[in-house]
Amino acid sequence: MSILNKTSVVLSLAFTIFSSISANAQEIKPYKAKEIEVYKGQEIKPTGKKQGQVARDGKQEVSYFFGLYNYWVPGTSYTVPDYTNKTEVLRTSAGTGVLPGSIRIDGNGSYTWNSSWDGKIIKGSWRLTGDSDYPIELMKAQEGKNWKIGKSNDEGVAIIVWNGSTWYNGKRIKGGK
């Protein structure tokens, strides 16, 4: 078979394959997303109290929280959307399991945070929140953020330290009250 015949056979075969593929092709239609409704929150009205005054006004019993705590990052699970497959994927993150830092909450409206996050000793004031789940808020604490303190129901965990998205578990240090 000559080179010209071989080339002719290859081209004929390629044309047949291409014709077959293009005959089975489907039109791609764009995906139409749903409209997202905008959430409008309620207005938060100021209490009119100064932060230092709130911490010492005695309206809420918080003496349980006074003391020294080691804290650590617990493990967690969360879901993330998988838009391609129209499902959600469960992600699990293991906690550190170590006690990287400490927090002392004093009854006089002050706290000391030995931060493992940025290696700083942070001293500041706390205030009452009026929230029974997280009655104390450490003002301008780690990362310059306010962190709420709540009582934990988990065994071996005395407090939860939470900034709205990240949280730590805290264990009371014996003799640290």
Foldseek 3Di string as FASTA:
>chain_A
DDPVVVVVVVVVVVVVVVVVVVVPDDDDDDDDDDDDDDDDDDDDDDPPDDFQCQLPVPPDDDPLQAFKWFKWFAKDKDWDADVVVRGIDIDIGHTPPDRQWMKGDHSNFKIWTCDSVVRDTDIFGWGADPDQQFGIWTQLPPVGAIWTWGQDPDPQFGIWTGRPPGIITIGGDPVGD
